[in-house]
Structure formats: C-alpha cells, structure tokens
Amino acid sequence: MKIHHIGPMTVNPYQRQLAKTERLAAGKANGDQVEISKEAKELQEASSWEQARQAKLDELRRQIENGAYQVDPRAVAKRMIEYYRNHR
C-alpha cells in the first residue's frame, strides 16, 4: 500500500515548539538576581567590628605609653574565676 501526499506538508511540529519556547522566554524577566547569604552579611559587619577593635587597641596602647593605664586587680581576678568556672 502506498500513501501519496496530495499537497505539501505545512505542519512542522518542531517549528511550533520553537515558537512556544520563544514566547515563554520573551515573557520572563531578563535580569539576574544576586542574594547575599547571612554569613556574608556577618563578614561585612565584621569589618566594622575590626575597625572598632583597632581603635580600642590604639587607645590602650596610647594609655600604656603615657603611663596612664591602670589595672584593677580585683576585676582581673573576678574575670579569671568566671572564665575557669564556665570552661570546665
């Protein structure tokens, strides 16, 4: 049995799929998005902590050089006891 085509075939399923894909792609936004993780935000904040820490160290260094730095022995002893009680 032979099947003869009477006219040219104008149906191309691949072309219809391509057109559908292009329509869907055109409807989507073309922009990229960036999300910063919680850990990355904490690292950014750590930079400001580092500056504050450095300022405090500079102030302590200045006091020590001038002889104005005073150590409270009771406060040091209290903190040492607290440390060893909490880290058994």
Foldseek 3Di string as FASTA:
>chain_A
DDDDDPDDDPDDPVVVVVVVVVVVVVPDDPDDDDDDDPVNVVVVVVVVVVVVVVVVVVVVVVCVVVVNDDDDVVVVVVVVVVVVVVPD
